[in-house]
Amino acid sequence: IATVCKKIGAKMVYLSTDYVFSGEGDCPWKADNEIFEPRNVYGKTKLEGEQAVARLLEKYFIVRTSWMFGINGDNFVKTMMAIGKRHGEIRVVNDQVGTPTYTFDLARLLVDMIETEKYGYYNATNEGGYVSWYDFTVEILKQAGLDTTVIPVSSKEYGLSNAKRPLNSRLDKSKLVKAGFEPLPTWQDALSRYLNKID
């Protein structure tokens, strides 16, 4: 795709992920951070994609995001609501921290971006602060009107996943603001709008 964009002089948007970083510590990852330590295949291949785009093109937007939910396909919100309706109690990890991103809000930002020539690397998630998957689940069930008990557990206690997941998915979005792009609404507001759409 990047090769074709170069050939025809088109701008390219490449969606990437916080998984290109190590996922350790508690400092938010900056958009122009050049220290990469992906811990799983997904992160490694996304980083290779970033590098290919940056190597081949000058007119590109590499946008890293995280914890996405939207109308199409499965996502964490739908999963937690389904489990919450079936069970009186659920266990959710509380040591993986990041910020949810509503695909509708992200898409609006991407449209704004491609109408400019402010090329480069950006981080983009909804505003509203950093939270754990546990915190996110509590808010999902609260807004959905479910009284399911949510029990916080560590990633180690939770187990199950073979893929190494980042504990630190915090993304620093200050570069977006400096470039003049409008920040996304809070994830709490995004969740409310999303739940109203899927009702």
Protein backbone atom coordinates (compact mmCIF):
# COMPACT_ATOMS: atom_id res chain seq x y z
CA ILE A 1 0.00 0.00 0.00
CA ALA A 2 2.84 2.39 0.87
CA THR A 3 4.52 1.64 -2.47
CA VAL A 4 1.32 2.49 -4.35
CA CYS A 5 0.86 5.68 -2.28
CA LYS A 6 4.38 6.74 -3.24
CA LYS A 7 3.74 6.00 -6.91
CA ILE A 8 0.57 8.10 -7.09
CA GLY A 9 1.61 10.77 -4.56
CA ALA A 10 -1.12 9.90 -2.06
CA LYS A 11 -1.08 10.49 1.67
CA MET A 12 -1.18 7.37 3.84
CA VAL A 13 -2.64 6.72 7.28
CA TYR A 14 -1.21 3.73 9.12
CA LEU A 15 -2.98 2.67 12.30
CA SER A 16 -0.62 1.26 14.87
CA THR A 17 -0.60 0.33 18.55
CA ASP A 18 1.04 0.83 21.94
CA TYR A 19 2.21 -2.80 21.56
CA VAL A 20 5.26 -1.48 19.68
CA PHE A 21 6.61 -0.46 23.11
CA SER A 22 7.72 -2.65 26.02
CA GLY A 23 4.54 -2.12 28.05
CA GLU A 24 6.57 -1.61 31.22
CA GLY A 25 6.81 1.25 33.70
CA ASP A 26 4.14 3.86 34.24
CA CYS A 27 5.22 6.79 32.05
CA PRO A 28 3.01 7.52 29.01
CA TRP A 29 4.66 6.63 25.69
CA LYS A 30 5.39 9.71 23.59
CA ALA A 31 4.46 9.82 19.89
CA ASP A 32 8.07 10.34 18.82
CA ASN A 33 9.57 7.80 21.23
CA GLU A 34 12.19 5.81 19.31
CA ILE A 35 12.83 3.06 21.86
CA PHE A 36 10.83 0.04 20.75
CA GLU A 37 10.59 -3.29 22.56
CA PRO A 38 7.51 -5.13 21.30
CA ARG A 39 6.84 -8.19 23.44
CA ASN A 40 4.67 -10.23 21.09
CA VAL A 41 4.24 -10.98 17.38
CA TYR A 42 1.42 -8.47 16.99
CA GLY A 43 3.61 -5.64 18.30
CA LYS A 44 6.59 -6.70 16.20
CA THR A 45 4.62 -6.82 12.96
CA LYS A 46 2.91 -3.47 13.64
CA LEU A 47 6.34 -1.91 14.26
CA GLU A 48 7.65 -3.39 11.00
CA GLY A 49 4.68 -1.79 9.26
CA GLU A 50 5.42 1.59 10.85
CA GLN A 51 9.05 1.40 9.75
CA ALA A 52 8.14 0.40 6.18
CA VAL A 53 5.73 3.32 5.84
CA ALA A 54 8.21 5.85 7.27
CA ARG A 55 11.00 4.50 5.08
CA LEU A 56 9.02 4.62 1.83
CA LEU A 57 6.96 7.79 2.27
CA GLU A 58 7.17 11.41 3.30
CA LYS A 59 3.42 12.04 3.37
CA TYR A 60 2.24 9.72 6.13
CA PHE A 61 0.35 9.74 9.42
CA ILE A 62 1.31 6.89 11.75
CA VAL A 63 -1.34 6.87 14.47
CA ARG A 64 -0.97 4.67 17.53
CA THR A 65 -4.09 3.88 19.48
CA SER A 66 -5.30 1.37 22.07
CA TRP A 67 -8.25 -0.40 23.64
CA MET A 68 -10.61 0.18 20.72
CA PHE A 69 -14.34 -0.45 20.75
CA GLY A 70 -16.92 0.27 18.06
CA ILE A 71 -20.13 -0.77 16.37
CA ASN A 72 -18.63 -3.49 14.17
CA GLY A 73 -17.14 -6.74 15.39
CA ASP A 74 -16.46 -7.99 18.88
CA ASN A 75 -14.82 -5.84 21.52
CA PHE A 76 -14.20 -5.60 25.25
CA VAL A 77 -17.39 -3.61 25.96
CA LYS A 78 -19.64 -6.16 24.24
CA THR A 79 -17.82 -9.03 25.95
CA MET A 80 -18.12 -7.54 29.46
CA MET A 81 -21.80 -6.75 28.96
CA ALA A 82 -22.51 -10.30 27.76
CA ILE A 83 -20.64 -11.80 30.72
CA GLY A 84 -22.23 -9.31 33.12
CA LYS A 85 -25.72 -10.37 32.00
CA ARG A 86 -24.92 -14.07 32.47
CA HIS A 87 -22.96 -13.99 35.71
CA GLY A 88 -23.31 -12.24 39.05
CA GLU A 89 -19.57 -11.88 39.42
CA ILE A 90 -16.62 -11.38 37.04
CA ARG A 91 -12.86 -11.11 37.50
CA VAL A 92 -10.99 -8.42 35.54
CA VAL A 93 -7.32 -7.43 35.56
CA ASN A 94 -6.46 -4.21 37.37
CA ASP A 95 -2.72 -3.91 36.58
CA GLN A 96 -2.97 -3.22 32.83
CA VAL A 97 -3.50 0.52 32.38
CA GLY A 98 -4.43 2.55 29.31
CA THR A 99 -7.26 4.57 27.76
CA PRO A 100 -10.25 3.28 25.78
CA THR A 101 -10.80 4.52 22.21
CA TYR A 102 -14.14 4.74 20.43
CA THR A 103 -13.63 4.00 16.73
CA PHE A 104 -16.23 6.63 15.73
CA ASP A 105 -14.25 9.38 17.49
CA LEU A 106 -10.94 8.13 16.13
CA ALA A 107 -12.31 8.07 12.57
CA ARG A 108 -13.33 11.74 12.85
CA LEU A 109 -9.81 12.63 13.95
CA LEU A 110 -8.27 10.69 11.05
CA VAL A 111 -10.44 12.60 8.58
CA ASP A 112 -9.28 15.88 10.14
CA MET A 113 -5.66 14.70 9.87
CA ILE A 114 -5.69 13.73 6.22
CA GLU A 115 -7.04 17.16 5.31
CA THR A 116 -3.75 18.63 6.57
CA GLU A 117 -0.08 18.19 5.79
CA LYS A 118 0.94 17.77 9.45
CA TYR A 119 2.66 14.46 8.78
CA GLY A 120 4.37 12.23 11.31
CA TYR A 121 3.75 10.04 14.32
CA TYR A 122 0.78 10.60 16.65
CA ASN A 123 -0.89 8.90 19.59
CA ALA A 124 -4.68 9.03 19.71
CA THR A 125 -7.17 7.73 22.26
CA ASN A 126 -10.17 9.27 23.94
CA GLU A 127 -9.56 11.68 26.81
CA GLY A 128 -10.84 10.98 30.32
CA GLY A 129 -7.70 9.70 32.00
CA TYR A 130 -5.82 6.44 32.29
CA VAL A 131 -7.70 3.48 33.75
CA SER A 132 -7.31 -0.26 34.23
CA TRP A 133 -9.45 -2.86 32.49
CA TYR A 134 -11.11 -3.29 35.91
CA ASP A 135 -12.00 0.43 36.09
CA PHE A 136 -13.30 0.33 32.52
CA THR A 137 -15.46 -2.70 33.29
CA VAL A 138 -16.96 -1.07 36.38
CA GLU A 139 -17.97 1.95 34.27
CA ILE A 140 -19.33 -0.23 31.44
CA LEU A 141 -21.60 -2.19 33.79
CA LYS A 142 -22.65 0.96 35.65
CA GLN A 143 -23.67 2.75 32.45
CA ALA A 144 -25.40 -0.40 31.19
CA GLY A 145 -27.42 -0.62 34.40
CA LEU A 146 -26.03 -4.02 35.43
CA ASP A 147 -25.27 -4.78 39.08
CA THR A 148 -22.66 -7.47 38.42
CA THR A 149 -19.86 -7.59 41.00
CA VAL A 150 -16.44 -6.89 39.46
CA ILE A 151 -13.43 -8.37 41.26
CA PRO A 152 -9.98 -6.85 40.54
CA VAL A 153 -7.19 -9.37 39.94
CA SER A 154 -3.60 -9.18 38.73
CA SER A 155 -2.61 -10.36 35.24
CA LYS A 156 -0.75 -13.23 36.89
CA GLU A 157 -3.82 -14.27 38.88
CA TYR A 158 -6.03 -14.00 35.81
CA GLY A 159 -3.80 -16.21 33.64
CA LEU A 160 -5.37 -17.61 30.42
CA SER A 161 -3.61 -15.52 27.76
CA ASN A 162 -0.47 -16.90 26.12
CA ALA A 163 0.27 -13.55 24.45
CA LYS A 164 2.27 -11.15 26.61
CA ARG A 165 0.12 -8.06 27.11
CA PRO A 166 1.44 -4.64 28.15
CA LEU A 167 0.87 -3.48 31.70
CA ASN A 168 1.52 0.09 30.56
CA SER A 169 -0.60 1.13 27.57
CA ARG A 170 -0.57 4.82 28.48
CA LEU A 171 -0.18 7.00 25.39
CA ASP A 172 0.92 10.64 25.56
CA LYS A 173 -1.35 12.64 23.22
CA SER A 174 0.23 16.07 23.71
CA LYS A 175 1.61 16.11 20.15
CA LEU A 176 -1.97 16.04 18.80
CA VAL A 177 -2.83 19.23 20.67
CA LYS A 178 0.43 20.94 19.66
CA ALA A 179 -0.36 20.17 16.02
CA GLY A 180 -3.75 21.85 16.42
CA PHE A 181 -5.96 18.76 16.32
CA GLU A 182 -9.02 18.65 18.54
CA PRO A 183 -8.70 16.08 21.34
CA LEU A 184 -11.20 13.23 21.33
CA PRO A 185 -14.07 13.40 23.85
CA THR A 186 -13.70 11.57 27.16
CA TRP A 187 -13.95 7.79 27.02
CA GLN A 188 -16.82 7.96 29.54
CA ASP A 189 -18.81 10.12 27.14
CA ALA A 190 -17.79 7.90 24.22
CA LEU A 191 -18.96 4.81 26.10
CA SER A 192 -22.34 6.44 26.79
CA ARG A 193 -22.83 7.31 23.11
CA TYR A 194 -21.71 3.84 22.07
CA LEU A 195 -24.12 2.07 24.45
CA ASN A 196 -26.98 4.21 23.15
CA LYS A 197 -26.13 3.13 19.59
CA ILE A 198 -26.05 -0.60 20.32
CA ASP A 199 -29.22 -0.63 22.47
